[in-house]
Amino acid sequence: MKLKKGDKSIGFNTEDISENKIDLEAYLGKKVFLMFYRGASCPFCNLHVHELIEQMDYFREKGLAVISFFMSNKREIMEYVGKQNPPFPIIADPKKKYYRIYGLEKSFAGKMKAMLRFGTWMKIFAKGFFNMKSLKDDNTLPGDFLINEDGIIEHAYYGKDFGDHLDLNIIRNWIDE
């Protein structure tokens, strides 16, 4: 079931790829940007991580906590997205336990729609994020959630294709409110 604005966020208590404990309840009192990426080799996901890293100083300055999930194991995360040294927790969820809990879905049409993102493809190739492994990942779509200080979802965004993430300007505006 998809979550929506006003729903209580669904807690989790797990470890990130650096073996740090990540308990969503520990983030009460902070605004949280919670992201569900596809596989760690996904070129769209890697491009989004790259763009997010470029904004992280501002986000940190404003007190935004960022937590991400990848439907890959730790080794794959380190091999692909880990090369960017993201300054936020990454949680490996290869069995997609939390993807199901947060209502993320698969879509073959979403895969096809992503192929038409020509401008994005140019950025992917320019940054060196393209690889053949990503073609074998399942068709799970990304999802992004903005969670307020009380643990309530203020924005639930379910991507319509592999490269469809919440616009970072929406996040900037939300934390500036």
C-alpha atoms as a PDB file:
ATOM      1  CA  MET A   1       0.000   0.000   0.000  1.00  0.00           C
ATOM      2  CA  LYS A   2       1.356   3.414  -0.955  1.00  0.00           C
ATOM      3  CA  LEU A   3       1.887   5.926   1.808  1.00  0.00           C
ATOM      4  CA  LYS A   4       0.630   9.488   1.540  1.00  0.00           C
ATOM      5  CA  LYS A   5       0.963  12.903   3.124  1.00  0.00           C
ATOM      6  CA  GLY A   6      -0.165  12.778   6.746  1.00  0.00           C
ATOM      7  CA  ASP A   7       0.691   9.107   7.290  1.00  0.00           C
ATOM      8  CA  LYS A   8       3.041   8.186  10.112  1.00  0.00           C
ATOM      9  CA  SER A   9       6.390   7.073   8.732  1.00  0.00           C
ATOM     10  CA  ILE A  10       7.098   3.387   9.158  1.00  0.00           C
ATOM     11  CA  GLY A  11       9.989   2.876  11.503  1.00  0.00           C
ATOM     12  CA  PHE A  12      13.006   0.705  10.952  1.00  0.00           C
ATOM     13  CA  ASN A  13      15.987  -0.282  13.040  1.00  0.00           C
ATOM     14  CA  THR A  14      18.809  -1.714  10.966  1.00  0.00           C
ATOM     15  CA  GLU A  15      22.439  -1.148   9.999  1.00  0.00           C
ATOM     16  CA  ASP A  16      23.849   0.838   7.122  1.00  0.00           C
ATOM     17  CA  ILE A  17      26.680  -0.437   4.925  1.00  0.00           C
ATOM     18  CA  SER A  18      29.207   1.016   7.397  1.00  0.00           C
ATOM     19  CA  GLU A  19      27.614  -1.059  10.193  1.00  0.00           C
ATOM     20  CA  ASN A  20      26.173   2.017  11.922  1.00  0.00           C
ATOM     21  CA  LYS A  21      22.819   1.499  13.634  1.00  0.00           C
ATOM     22  CA  ILE A  22      20.075   3.395  11.840  1.00  0.00           C
ATOM     23  CA  ASP A  23      16.839   3.730  13.788  1.00  0.00           C
ATOM     24  CA  LEU A  24      14.290   6.066  12.209  1.00  0.00           C
ATOM     25  CA  GLU A  25      12.919   6.914  15.674  1.00  0.00           C
ATOM     26  CA  ALA A  26      16.316   8.372  16.584  1.00  0.00           C
ATOM     27  CA  TYR A  27      15.635  11.044  13.946  1.00  0.00           C
ATOM     28  CA  LEU A  28      12.521  12.398  15.672  1.00  0.00           C
ATOM     29  CA  GLY A  29      13.010  16.142  16.047  1.00  0.00           C
ATOM     30  CA  LYS A  30      14.703  16.382  12.627  1.00  0.00           C
ATOM     31  CA  LYS A  31      13.443  16.642   9.094  1.00  0.00           C
ATOM     32  CA  VAL A  32      14.342  13.501   7.139  1.00  0.00           C
ATOM     33  CA  PHE A  33      14.713  12.869   3.425  1.00  0.00           C
ATOM     34  CA  LEU A  34      14.229   9.100   2.990  1.00  0.00           C
ATOM     35  CA  MET A  35      15.077   7.676  -0.441  1.00  0.00           C
ATOM     36  CA  PHE A  36      14.523   4.293  -2.011  1.00  0.00           C
ATOM     37  CA  TYR A  37      16.814   3.825  -4.976  1.00  0.00           C
ATOM     38  CA  ARG A  38      16.877   0.927  -7.367  1.00  0.00           C
ATOM     39  CA  GLY A  39      19.950  -1.297  -7.663  1.00  0.00           C
ATOM     40  CA  ALA A  40      23.344   0.172  -6.852  1.00  0.00           C
ATOM     41  CA  SER A  41      24.398  -0.081 -10.498  1.00  0.00           C
ATOM     42  CA  CYS A  42      21.364   1.910 -11.714  1.00  0.00           C
ATOM     43  CA  PRO A  43      22.766   4.825 -13.745  1.00  0.00           C
ATOM     44  CA  PHE A  44      19.758   7.029 -12.942  1.00  0.00           C
ATOM     45  CA  CYS A  45      20.245   6.384  -9.224  1.00  0.00           C
ATOM     46  CA  ASN A  46      23.954   7.089  -9.394  1.00  0.00           C
ATOM     47  CA  LEU A  47      23.297  10.364 -11.202  1.00  0.00           C
ATOM     48  CA  HIS A  48      20.733  11.339  -8.549  1.00  0.00           C
ATOM     49  CA  VAL A  49      23.188  10.475  -5.751  1.00  0.00           C
ATOM     50  CA  HIS A  50      25.795  12.626  -7.496  1.00  0.00           C
ATOM     51  CA  GLU A  51      23.367  15.568  -7.690  1.00  0.00           C
ATOM     52  CA  LEU A  52      22.342  15.047  -4.068  1.00  0.00           C
ATOM     53  CA  ILE A  53      25.970  15.023  -2.892  1.00  0.00           C
ATOM     54  CA  GLU A  54      26.399  18.424  -4.556  1.00  0.00           C
ATOM     55  CA  GLN A  55      23.557  19.758  -2.329  1.00  0.00           C
ATOM     56  CA  MET A  56      24.579  18.047   0.915  1.00  0.00           C
ATOM     57  CA  ASP A  57      26.428  20.989   2.492  1.00  0.00           C
ATOM     58  CA  TYR A  58      23.284  23.092   2.219  1.00  0.00           C
ATOM     59  CA  PHE A  59      21.056  20.256   3.453  1.00  0.00           C
ATOM     60  CA  ARG A  60      23.312  19.578   6.441  1.00  0.00           C
ATOM     61  CA  GLU A  61      23.487  23.294   7.261  1.00  0.00           C
ATOM     62  CA  LYS A  62      19.676  23.331   7.385  1.00  0.00           C
ATOM     63  CA  GLY A  63      19.590  20.235   9.641  1.00  0.00           C
ATOM     64  CA  LEU A  64      18.162  17.805   7.085  1.00  0.00           C
ATOM     65  CA  ALA A  65      18.950  14.144   7.749  1.00  0.00           C
ATOM     66  CA  VAL A  66      19.299  11.977   4.636  1.00  0.00           C
ATOM     67  CA  ILE A  67      18.876   8.194   4.623  1.00  0.00           C
ATOM     68  CA  SER A  68      18.921   5.997   1.536  1.00  0.00           C
ATOM     69  CA  PHE A  69      18.083   2.416   0.663  1.00  0.00           C
ATOM     70  CA  PHE A  70      19.369   0.379  -2.250  1.00  0.00           C
ATOM     71  CA  MET A  71      17.911  -2.961  -3.287  1.00  0.00           C
ATOM     72  CA  SER A  72      21.465  -4.330  -3.557  1.00  0.00           C
ATOM     73  CA  ASN A  73      23.880  -6.064  -1.242  1.00  0.00           C
ATOM     74  CA  LYS A  74      26.754  -4.232   0.449  1.00  0.00           C
ATOM     75  CA  ARG A  75      29.347  -5.435  -2.077  1.00  0.00           C
ATOM     76  CA  GLU A  76      27.364  -4.094  -5.035  1.00  0.00           C
ATOM     77  CA  ILE A  77      26.722  -0.795  -3.269  1.00  0.00           C
ATOM     78  CA  MET A  78      30.438  -0.357  -2.602  1.00  0.00           C
ATOM     79  CA  GLU A  79      31.286  -1.305  -6.211  1.00  0.00           C
ATOM     80  CA  TYR A  80      28.964   1.262  -7.776  1.00  0.00           C
ATOM     81  CA  VAL A  81      27.383   4.058  -5.753  1.00  0.00           C
ATOM     82  CA  GLY A  82      29.911   3.682  -2.934  1.00  0.00           C
ATOM     83  CA  LYS A  83      32.631   5.054  -5.221  1.00  0.00           C
ATOM     84  CA  GLN A  84      31.000   8.458  -4.812  1.00  0.00           C
ATOM     85  CA  ASN A  85      31.470   8.345  -1.009  1.00  0.00           C
ATOM     86  CA  PRO A  86      27.965   9.602  -0.217  1.00  0.00           C
ATOM     87  CA  PRO A  87      27.936  11.533   3.083  1.00  0.00           C
ATOM     88  CA  PHE A  88      24.721   9.901   4.287  1.00  0.00           C
ATOM     89  CA  PRO A  89      23.710   6.422   5.453  1.00  0.00           C
ATOM     90  CA  ILE A  90      23.060   3.801   2.795  1.00  0.00           C
ATOM     91  CA  ILE A  91      21.094   0.736   3.803  1.00  0.00           C
ATOM     92  CA  ALA A  92      21.365  -2.466   1.782  1.00  0.00           C
ATOM     93  CA  ASP A  93      17.969  -4.097   1.290  1.00  0.00           C
ATOM     94  CA  PRO A  94      18.472  -6.782  -1.380  1.00  0.00           C
ATOM     95  CA  LYS A  95      15.335  -8.642  -0.286  1.00  0.00           C
ATOM     96  CA  LYS A  96      13.370  -5.364  -0.568  1.00  0.00           C
ATOM     97  CA  LYS A  97      11.745  -5.730   2.847  1.00  0.00           C
ATOM     98  CA  TYR A  98      11.478  -1.976   3.362  1.00  0.00           C
ATOM     99  CA  TYR A  99      10.548  -1.383  -0.283  1.00  0.00           C
ATOM    100  CA  ARG A 100       7.427  -3.471   0.275  1.00  0.00           C
ATOM    101  CA  ILE A 101       6.664  -1.763   3.592  1.00  0.00           C
ATOM    102  CA  TYR A 102       6.863   1.667   1.934  1.00  0.00           C
ATOM    103  CA  GLY A 103       4.730   0.548  -1.018  1.00  0.00           C
ATOM    104  CA  LEU A 104       7.249   0.704  -3.846  1.00  0.00           C
ATOM    105  CA  GLU A 105       6.197  -1.068  -7.012  1.00  0.00           C
ATOM    106  CA  LYS A 106       7.622  -2.573 -10.167  1.00  0.00           C
ATOM    107  CA  SER A 107       6.835  -1.275 -13.635  1.00  0.00           C
ATOM    108  CA  PHE A 108       8.083  -2.473 -16.997  1.00  0.00           C
ATOM    109  CA  ALA A 109       6.478   0.635 -18.511  1.00  0.00           C
ATOM    110  CA  GLY A 110       8.586   2.704 -16.101  1.00  0.00           C
ATOM    111  CA  LYS A 111      11.694   1.024 -17.465  1.00  0.00           C
ATOM    112  CA  MET A 112      10.674   1.873 -21.023  1.00  0.00           C
ATOM    113  CA  LYS A 113       9.744   5.449 -20.111  1.00  0.00           C
ATOM    114  CA  ALA A 114      13.193   5.968 -18.574  1.00  0.00           C
ATOM    115  CA  MET A 115      14.793   5.011 -21.889  1.00  0.00           C
ATOM    116  CA  LEU A 116      13.248   8.176 -23.364  1.00  0.00           C
ATOM    117  CA  ARG A 117      15.052  10.507 -20.949  1.00  0.00           C
ATOM    118  CA  PHE A 118      17.602  11.568 -23.557  1.00  0.00           C
ATOM    119  CA  GLY A 119      18.963  14.544 -21.629  1.00  0.00           C
ATOM    120  CA  THR A 120      19.438  12.395 -18.555  1.00  0.00           C
ATOM    121  CA  TRP A 121      21.189   9.725 -20.610  1.00  0.00           C
ATOM    122  CA  MET A 122      23.668  12.332 -21.820  1.00  0.00           C
ATOM    123  CA  LYS A 123      24.469  13.236 -18.189  1.00  0.00           C
ATOM    124  CA  ILE A 124      24.749   9.536 -17.279  1.00  0.00           C
ATOM    125  CA  PHE A 125      27.302   8.908 -20.031  1.00  0.00           C
ATOM    126  CA  ALA A 126      29.190  12.135 -19.290  1.00  0.00           C
ATOM    127  CA  LYS A 127      29.553  11.164 -15.608  1.00  0.00           C
ATOM    128  CA  GLY A 128      30.490   7.559 -16.429  1.00  0.00           C
ATOM    129  CA  PHE A 129      27.510   5.967 -14.676  1.00  0.00           C
ATOM    130  CA  PHE A 130      26.357   3.693 -17.505  1.00  0.00           C
ATOM    131  CA  ASN A 131      26.971  -0.057 -17.105  1.00  0.00           C
ATOM    132  CA  MET A 132      25.426  -3.237 -18.451  1.00  0.00           C
ATOM    133  CA  LYS A 133      24.670  -4.780 -15.053  1.00  0.00           C
ATOM    134  CA  SER A 134      21.862  -2.334 -14.432  1.00  0.00           C
ATOM    135  CA  LEU A 135      19.923  -3.831 -17.344  1.00  0.00           C
ATOM    136  CA  LYS A 136      19.493  -7.037 -15.316  1.00  0.00           C
ATOM    137  CA  ASP A 137      17.986  -5.382 -12.228  1.00  0.00           C
ATOM    138  CA  ASP A 138      14.279  -5.835 -11.679  1.00  0.00           C
ATOM    139  CA  ASN A 139      11.848  -3.075 -12.583  1.00  0.00           C
ATOM    140  CA  THR A 140      11.314  -1.592  -9.123  1.00  0.00           C
ATOM    141  CA  LEU A 141      10.655   2.140  -9.279  1.00  0.00           C
ATOM    142  CA  PRO A 142      12.274   4.654  -6.889  1.00  0.00           C
ATOM    143  CA  GLY A 143      10.495   6.479  -4.092  1.00  0.00           C
ATOM    144  CA  ASP A 144      11.264   9.517  -1.949  1.00  0.00           C
ATOM    145  CA  PHE A 145       9.718  10.633   1.331  1.00  0.00           C
ATOM    146  CA  LEU A 146       9.983  13.886   3.254  1.00  0.00           C
ATOM    147  CA  ILE A 147       9.336  13.209   6.932  1.00  0.00           C
ATOM    148  CA  ASN A 148       8.801  16.010   9.445  1.00  0.00           C
ATOM    149  CA  GLU A 149      10.179  16.321  12.969  1.00  0.00           C
ATOM    150  CA  ASP A 150       7.204  14.388  14.365  1.00  0.00           C
ATOM    151  CA  GLY A 151       7.741  11.396  12.079  1.00  0.00           C
ATOM    152  CA  ILE A 152       4.836  12.311   9.788  1.00  0.00           C
ATOM    153  CA  ILE A 153       5.191  12.057   6.013  1.00  0.00           C
ATOM    154  CA  GLU A 154       4.808  15.477   4.460  1.00  0.00           C
ATOM    155  CA  HIS A 155       5.564  14.362   0.918  1.00  0.00           C
ATOM    156  CA  ALA A 156       5.406  10.834  -0.499  1.00  0.00           C
ATOM    157  CA  TYR A 157       6.796  10.649  -4.027  1.00  0.00           C
ATOM    158  CA  TYR A 158       6.564   7.447  -6.044  1.00  0.00           C
ATOM    159  CA  GLY A 159       8.667   7.590  -9.199  1.00  0.00           C
ATOM    160  CA  LYS A 160       6.941   6.891 -12.499  1.00  0.00           C
ATOM    161  CA  ASP A 161      10.131   5.663 -14.162  1.00  0.00           C
ATOM    162  CA  PHE A 162      13.672   4.649 -13.217  1.00  0.00           C
ATOM    163  CA  GLY A 163      14.942   8.237 -13.248  1.00  0.00           C
ATOM    164  CA  ASP A 164      11.940   9.895 -11.615  1.00  0.00           C
ATOM    165  CA  HIS A 165      12.983  11.242  -8.209  1.00  0.00           C
ATOM    166  CA  LEU A 166      11.690  14.094  -6.114  1.00  0.00           C
ATOM    167  CA  ASP A 167      13.128  17.339  -7.461  1.00  0.00           C
ATOM    168  CA  LEU A 168      15.883  18.583  -5.152  1.00  0.00           C
ATOM    169  CA  ASN A 169      14.413  22.112  -5.333  1.00  0.00           C
ATOM    170  CA  ILE A 170      11.237  20.799  -3.670  1.00  0.00           C
ATOM    171  CA  ILE A 171      13.399  19.521  -0.829  1.00  0.00           C
ATOM    172  CA  ARG A 172      15.213  22.859  -0.556  1.00  0.00           C
ATOM    173  CA  ASN A 173      11.893  24.704  -0.375  1.00  0.00           C
ATOM    174  CA  TRP A 174      10.569  22.253   2.239  1.00  0.00           C
ATOM    175  CA  ILE A 175      13.539  22.673   4.573  1.00  0.00           C
ATOM    176  CA  ASP A 176      13.448  26.459   4.125  1.00  0.00           C
ATOM    177  CA  GLU A 177       9.806  26.680   5.346  1.00  0.00           C
END
